[in-house]
Amino acid sequence: MKTLSQFVYLLLIALLFVQQARATAYPLPAENSRLIGENTTYTVPSDGRSLERIAAEYKIGLLGMLEANPGTDPWLPKAGSQLIIPTQMLLPDTKREGIVINVAELRLYYYPQGENTVIVYPIGIGQLGANTPEMVTTISQKIPHPTWTPTPNIRKRYAAEGKVLPVTVPAGADNPMGLYALRLAYGKGHYLIHGTNADFGIGMRVSSGCIRLRPDDIAALFNRVPAGTRVQVINQPLKYAVEPDGKRYIEVHQPLSHSEKDDPQTMPIALSANAKKFINSDDSDVAVINAALVRRSGMPVLVNAGEEVDDHAPEPAVQQQ
């Protein structure tokens, strides 16, 4: 009986691991649909865990958690408080192929070839003054255990802070690029998708222009994505869609600031002609859309005219103690 109980216990642990490992994989919707996932809720336990730790458990970036839960203490969320886990989203309005990186929402979307799924990872991107550029390129090289050779511009930024960088940082636990890197063919090959040796910075603007993933996420992506894969980097703080059932959604993220004086919560968001057409449609509730543009929750909001909307009551609710 003891052996059977141990087997059942191990089986449950294995199933839980599989569920967690697949937590970022979503069934790919039809071409005329862009809505994926469901939001959930989370009860903060009384163990002193940070918001980053909670975000990492659910494959969410830190800024995404703060957008969904404004006012939350990122260092010590209040025990017993309820957090929204923003795992519902609209796919970016672009080609569903290879890797799509939307810097405005700090997410990477991977469309595995021949599979009817999309895998979503939170990322860190270039800090102010070292922006991650928009591009369409490919993965030119897969590099396990990379070394890091800081560029002259990186050296200048560190020197301005009184820090002197070595010529090359060898591979290993102290390497800020982590254990895996995917070099992009863009420009001189200075931009990479890579890991990190830090336990923070995912879902934030912290890098020198590269795209940064958590260690387990870059390991999973590295082992799946082939060299030559198409990579597109876009900047879409505003996403919207009309679903096959007629429901209309808008998803608004804080736009990337251009200077230290910019406030991402209040700075204007550029609207394309199609976005204006969506907003001004008789089927759209302009008041709800304007509220979403101000709130910038980073979550899809139902904006059909005449619909009762409550984006603070996600279903199903899942509590974690």
Protein backbone atom coordinates (compact mmCIF):
# COMPACT_ATOMS: atom_id res chain seq x y z
CA MET A 1 0.00 0.00 0.00
CA LYS A 2 2.86 2.33 0.86
CA THR A 3 4.46 1.67 -2.52
CA LEU A 4 1.15 2.37 -4.29
CA SER A 5 0.70 5.61 -2.33
CA GLN A 6 4.19 6.72 -3.27
CA PHE A 7 3.47 5.91 -6.92
CA VAL A 8 0.24 7.94 -6.88
CA TYR A 9 2.07 10.82 -5.19
CA LEU A 10 4.84 10.78 -7.79
CA LEU A 11 2.26 10.57 -10.59
CA LEU A 12 0.45 13.63 -9.24
CA ILE A 13 3.74 15.52 -9.01
CA ALA A 14 4.57 14.52 -12.59
CA LEU A 15 1.17 15.69 -13.81
CA LEU A 16 1.60 18.98 -11.98
CA PHE A 17 5.00 19.44 -13.59
CA VAL A 18 3.56 18.77 -17.03
CA GLN A 19 0.79 21.31 -16.42
CA GLN A 20 3.32 23.92 -15.30
CA ALA A 21 5.63 23.17 -18.21
CA ARG A 22 2.74 23.73 -20.62
CA ALA A 23 1.41 26.80 -18.82
CA THR A 24 2.57 29.11 -21.62
CA ALA A 25 1.20 27.01 -24.50
CA TYR A 26 -2.20 28.01 -25.89
CA PRO A 27 -4.29 26.37 -28.63
CA LEU A 28 -3.95 28.52 -31.73
CA PRO A 29 -7.30 30.13 -32.59
CA ALA A 30 -8.70 30.37 -36.12
CA GLU A 31 -7.28 33.00 -38.44
CA ASN A 32 -10.27 35.25 -37.80
CA SER A 33 -9.80 35.02 -34.02
CA ARG A 34 -7.08 36.46 -31.79
CA LEU A 35 -8.30 35.91 -28.22
CA ILE A 36 -6.42 33.27 -26.21
CA GLY A 37 -6.25 32.19 -22.59
CA GLU A 38 -8.25 33.03 -19.45
CA ASN A 39 -7.46 35.32 -16.54
CA THR A 40 -7.37 33.78 -13.07
CA THR A 41 -7.10 35.11 -9.53
CA TYR A 42 -4.53 34.37 -6.86
CA THR A 43 -4.56 34.78 -3.09
CA VAL A 44 -1.20 36.05 -1.81
CA PRO A 45 0.14 33.63 0.84
CA SER A 46 1.73 34.82 4.08
CA ASP A 47 5.22 33.59 3.27
CA GLY A 48 6.82 36.88 2.22
CA ARG A 49 7.09 36.02 -1.46
CA SER A 50 7.65 38.91 -3.88
CA LEU A 51 5.48 39.83 -6.83
CA GLU A 52 8.31 38.73 -9.13
CA ARG A 53 8.22 35.26 -7.60
CA ILE A 54 4.46 35.05 -8.13
CA ALA A 55 4.85 36.34 -11.69
CA ALA A 56 7.52 33.72 -12.42
CA GLU A 57 5.23 30.92 -11.21
CA TYR A 58 2.64 31.90 -13.82
CA LYS A 59 5.05 32.86 -16.63
CA ILE A 60 4.10 36.53 -16.37
CA GLY A 61 6.35 39.58 -16.57
CA LEU A 62 6.59 41.94 -13.60
CA LEU A 63 5.20 44.96 -15.45
CA GLY A 64 2.31 42.84 -16.71
CA MET A 65 1.46 41.93 -13.13
CA LEU A 66 1.63 45.58 -12.08
CA GLU A 67 -0.54 46.70 -15.01
CA ALA A 68 -3.18 44.17 -14.00
CA ASN A 69 -2.81 44.93 -10.28
CA PRO A 70 -1.95 48.63 -9.89
CA GLY A 71 -0.83 49.73 -6.45
CA THR A 72 0.50 46.30 -5.49
CA ASP A 73 3.77 46.37 -3.55
CA PRO A 74 6.26 44.61 -5.89
CA TRP A 75 8.53 43.64 -3.01
CA LEU A 76 5.95 42.42 -0.49
CA PRO A 77 2.36 42.02 -1.75
CA LYS A 78 -0.13 42.07 1.12
CA ALA A 79 -0.86 38.58 2.43
CA GLY A 80 -4.46 37.56 1.76
CA SER A 81 -4.95 40.09 -1.03
CA GLN A 82 -6.33 39.01 -4.38
CA LEU A 83 -4.25 39.40 -7.54
CA ILE A 84 -5.36 39.05 -11.14
CA ILE A 85 -3.12 36.69 -13.12
CA PRO A 86 -3.29 38.18 -16.65
CA THR A 87 -3.10 35.07 -18.80
CA GLN A 88 -5.74 36.14 -21.30
CA MET A 89 -4.51 38.17 -24.27
CA LEU A 90 -4.99 39.08 -27.91
CA LEU A 91 -2.46 37.77 -30.39
CA PRO A 92 -0.47 40.57 -32.05
CA ASP A 93 -1.85 41.79 -35.35
CA THR A 94 0.86 40.37 -37.57
CA LYS A 95 1.98 37.20 -39.36
CA ARG A 96 1.72 34.07 -37.21
CA GLU A 97 5.08 32.57 -38.01
CA GLY A 98 8.24 31.82 -36.06
CA ILE A 99 8.87 34.26 -33.22
CA VAL A 100 6.93 37.50 -32.76
CA ILE A 101 8.15 39.89 -30.07
CA ASN A 102 5.88 42.75 -29.03
CA VAL A 103 8.14 45.07 -27.08
CA ALA A 104 5.22 47.20 -25.88
CA GLU A 105 3.65 44.28 -24.00
CA LEU A 106 7.00 42.67 -23.12
CA ARG A 107 5.98 39.29 -24.53
CA LEU A 108 7.45 36.81 -26.98
CA TYR A 109 5.10 34.63 -29.05
CA TYR A 110 6.47 31.45 -30.61
CA TYR A 111 4.47 29.66 -33.31
CA PRO A 112 6.06 26.18 -33.69
CA GLN A 113 5.95 25.06 -37.31
CA GLY A 114 3.40 22.35 -37.97
CA GLU A 115 1.76 22.71 -34.55
CA ASN A 116 -1.58 24.31 -33.79
CA THR A 117 -0.24 26.15 -30.73
CA VAL A 118 1.33 29.41 -29.70
CA ILE A 119 3.77 29.57 -26.80
CA VAL A 120 4.04 32.84 -24.89
CA TYR A 121 7.00 33.98 -22.79
CA PRO A 122 7.50 37.17 -20.75
CA ILE A 123 10.66 39.07 -21.68
CA GLY A 124 12.94 41.89 -20.65
CA ILE A 125 13.90 44.42 -23.34
CA GLY A 126 16.25 47.33 -23.95
CA GLN A 127 16.26 50.11 -21.40
CA LEU A 128 15.71 53.76 -22.22
CA GLY A 129 18.55 54.85 -24.51
CA ALA A 130 19.23 51.27 -25.58
CA ASN A 131 15.93 50.42 -27.25
CA THR A 132 15.23 47.04 -28.79
CA PRO A 133 14.56 47.99 -32.45
CA GLU A 134 11.65 46.85 -34.57
CA MET A 135 12.84 44.36 -37.19
CA VAL A 136 12.11 41.34 -39.35
CA THR A 137 15.05 38.96 -39.29
CA THR A 138 16.00 35.34 -38.54
CA ILE A 139 17.91 33.36 -35.95
CA SER A 140 21.41 33.15 -37.39
CA GLN A 141 23.08 31.16 -34.61
CA LYS A 142 22.20 29.05 -31.57
CA ILE A 143 24.80 29.44 -28.82
CA PRO A 144 24.84 27.16 -25.77
CA HIS A 145 26.91 28.44 -22.82
CA PRO A 146 27.61 31.84 -24.42
CA THR A 147 30.35 34.22 -23.39
CA TRP A 148 29.60 37.94 -23.16
CA THR A 149 31.73 40.56 -24.90
CA PRO A 150 30.31 44.01 -24.02
CA THR A 151 30.05 46.43 -26.94
CA PRO A 152 31.68 49.89 -26.78
CA ASN A 153 28.29 51.51 -26.12
CA ILE A 154 27.62 49.13 -23.24
CA ARG A 155 31.05 49.92 -21.79
CA LYS A 156 30.29 53.64 -21.97
CA ARG A 157 27.01 53.25 -20.12
CA TYR A 158 28.60 51.17 -17.39
CA ALA A 159 31.58 53.55 -17.17
CA ALA A 160 29.17 56.46 -16.63
CA GLU A 161 28.02 54.59 -13.51
CA GLY A 162 31.59 54.00 -12.38
CA LYS A 163 31.64 50.35 -13.42
CA VAL A 164 34.49 48.82 -15.44
CA LEU A 165 33.55 45.74 -17.45
CA PRO A 166 35.99 42.96 -18.35
CA VAL A 167 36.82 42.41 -22.01
CA THR A 168 34.91 39.12 -21.98
CA VAL A 169 32.75 37.43 -19.36
CA PRO A 170 33.19 33.65 -19.61
CA ALA A 171 30.30 31.21 -19.79
CA GLY A 172 28.86 30.11 -16.49
CA ALA A 173 26.65 31.09 -13.59
CA ASP A 174 28.01 34.66 -13.45
CA ASN A 175 27.37 35.40 -17.11
CA PRO A 176 24.53 37.94 -17.52
CA MET A 177 23.52 36.22 -20.78
CA GLY A 178 22.63 33.04 -18.94
CA LEU A 179 23.21 29.58 -20.38
CA TYR A 180 21.63 29.93 -23.83
CA ALA A 181 21.53 32.57 -26.56
CA LEU A 182 19.90 32.92 -29.98
CA ARG A 183 21.72 35.39 -32.22
CA LEU A 184 19.62 37.49 -34.59
CA ALA A 185 20.83 38.21 -38.13
CA TYR A 186 19.81 41.87 -37.81
CA GLY A 187 22.58 44.45 -38.26
CA LYS A 188 25.97 43.27 -37.05
CA GLY A 189 24.50 40.43 -35.00
CA HIS A 190 24.65 42.37 -31.73
CA TYR A 191 21.05 41.56 -30.79
CA LEU A 192 20.28 38.25 -29.14
CA ILE A 193 17.48 36.43 -27.38
CA HIS A 194 19.17 35.08 -24.27
CA GLY A 195 18.79 34.08 -20.64
CA THR A 196 19.88 35.85 -17.48
CA ASN A 197 21.72 35.24 -14.23
CA ALA A 198 19.46 37.65 -12.32
CA ASP A 199 16.22 36.83 -10.52
CA PHE A 200 14.52 40.03 -11.68
CA GLY A 201 14.13 42.12 -14.81
CA ILE A 202 11.72 39.98 -16.80
CA GLY A 203 8.79 42.06 -17.90
CA MET A 204 10.88 45.23 -17.57
CA ARG A 205 13.15 47.50 -19.64
CA VAL A 206 16.49 46.45 -18.24
CA SER A 207 18.75 45.12 -21.03
CA SER A 208 21.21 46.81 -23.38
CA GLY A 209 18.89 46.12 -26.32
CA CYS A 210 18.72 42.33 -26.31
CA ILE A 211 15.66 40.25 -25.47
CA ARG A 212 15.98 38.56 -22.10
CA LEU A 213 14.10 35.48 -20.81
CA ARG A 214 14.02 33.66 -17.49
CA PRO A 215 16.46 30.68 -17.37
CA ASP A 216 13.85 27.93 -17.73
CA ASP A 217 12.06 29.79 -20.52
CA ILE A 218 15.17 30.37 -22.65
CA ALA A 219 16.15 26.71 -22.15
CA ALA A 220 12.75 25.58 -23.42
CA LEU A 221 12.79 27.99 -26.37
CA PHE A 222 16.40 27.19 -27.27
CA ASN A 223 15.67 23.47 -27.39
CA ARG A 224 12.64 23.92 -29.67
CA VAL A 225 13.41 26.72 -32.10
CA PRO A 226 15.58 25.88 -35.14
CA ALA A 227 18.21 28.14 -36.65
CA GLY A 228 16.81 30.15 -39.54
CA THR A 229 13.49 30.76 -37.78
CA ARG A 230 11.80 34.02 -38.71
CA VAL A 231 11.83 36.66 -35.96
CA GLN A 232 9.72 39.81 -36.03
CA VAL A 233 9.96 42.57 -33.42
CA ILE A 234 6.96 44.92 -33.29
CA ASN A 235 5.72 47.73 -31.05
CA GLN A 236 1.95 47.42 -30.49
CA PRO A 237 0.79 48.92 -27.17
CA LEU A 238 -2.80 48.83 -28.47
CA LYS A 239 -4.36 45.60 -29.72
CA TYR A 240 -7.98 45.08 -30.73
CA ALA A 241 -10.08 42.38 -32.36
CA VAL A 242 -13.57 41.41 -33.47
CA GLU A 243 -14.05 37.75 -32.60
CA PRO A 244 -16.11 35.28 -34.68
CA ASP A 245 -18.97 35.50 -32.14
CA GLY A 246 -19.12 39.28 -32.65
CA LYS A 247 -17.47 40.20 -29.37
CA ARG A 248 -15.13 43.17 -29.65
CA TYR A 249 -12.02 43.45 -27.47
CA ILE A 250 -9.36 46.03 -26.86
CA GLU A 251 -6.09 45.43 -24.98
CA VAL A 252 -4.03 48.43 -23.91
CA HIS A 253 -0.49 48.38 -22.54
CA GLN A 254 1.65 51.24 -21.34
CA PRO A 255 3.59 52.53 -24.36
CA LEU A 256 7.38 52.63 -24.22
CA SER A 257 8.70 55.94 -22.97
CA HIS A 258 11.03 57.99 -25.17
CA SER A 259 12.61 60.09 -22.40
CA GLU A 260 12.82 60.18 -18.63
CA LYS A 261 10.09 62.83 -18.60
CA ASP A 262 7.54 60.50 -20.20
CA ASP A 263 4.90 58.87 -18.02
CA PRO A 264 3.85 55.58 -19.72
CA GLN A 265 0.54 55.69 -17.87
CA THR A 266 -0.49 59.04 -19.38
CA MET A 267 1.57 59.56 -22.55
CA PRO A 268 -0.52 59.41 -25.76
CA ILE A 269 -0.88 56.21 -27.77
CA ALA A 270 -0.77 56.57 -31.54
CA LEU A 271 -3.91 55.25 -33.25
CA SER A 272 -3.82 53.80 -36.75
CA ALA A 273 -6.63 54.42 -39.21
CA ASN A 274 -7.96 50.89 -38.58
CA ALA A 275 -7.84 51.42 -34.81
CA LYS A 276 -9.85 54.65 -35.16
CA LYS A 277 -12.36 52.81 -37.35
CA PHE A 278 -12.71 50.09 -34.68
CA ILE A 279 -13.15 52.64 -31.91
CA ASN A 280 -15.69 54.78 -33.79
CA SER A 281 -17.79 51.85 -34.97
CA ASP A 282 -21.45 51.85 -33.95
CA ASP A 283 -20.77 48.40 -32.46
CA SER A 284 -18.12 49.77 -30.07
CA ASP A 285 -18.78 51.47 -26.74
CA VAL A 286 -16.54 54.53 -27.00
CA ALA A 287 -16.87 55.33 -23.29
CA VAL A 288 -15.62 51.85 -22.33
CA ILE A 289 -12.78 52.12 -24.85
CA ASN A 290 -11.74 55.52 -23.51
CA ALA A 291 -11.74 54.09 -19.98
CA ALA A 292 -9.55 51.19 -21.19
CA LEU A 293 -7.16 53.65 -22.86
CA VAL A 294 -6.81 55.47 -19.54
CA ARG A 295 -6.64 52.34 -17.35
CA ARG A 296 -4.06 50.48 -19.53
CA SER A 297 -4.55 47.18 -17.73
CA GLY A 298 -2.73 45.06 -20.31
CA MET A 299 -5.76 42.73 -20.42
CA PRO A 300 -8.48 42.31 -23.08
CA VAL A 301 -11.58 44.38 -22.30
CA LEU A 302 -14.97 43.64 -23.87
CA VAL A 303 -16.12 46.84 -25.61
CA ASN A 304 -19.34 45.92 -27.42
CA ALA A 305 -21.94 48.68 -27.33
CA GLY A 306 -24.62 47.83 -24.77
CA GLU A 307 -22.56 45.13 -23.01
CA GLU A 308 -21.97 45.20 -19.26
CA VAL A 309 -18.21 45.07 -18.84
CA ASP A 310 -16.23 44.03 -15.76
CA ASP A 311 -12.57 43.33 -16.46
CA HIS A 312 -11.87 42.93 -12.73
CA ALA A 313 -13.80 39.67 -12.35
CA PRO A 314 -11.87 37.06 -14.34
CA GLU A 315 -13.10 33.50 -14.59
CA PRO A 316 -12.35 30.88 -13.56
CA ALA A 317 -10.98 31.86 -10.16
CA VAL A 318 -8.01 29.86 -8.91
CA GLN A 319 -6.67 30.40 -5.43
CA GLN A 320 -3.11 29.57 -4.39
CA GLN A 321 -2.21 29.28 -0.73
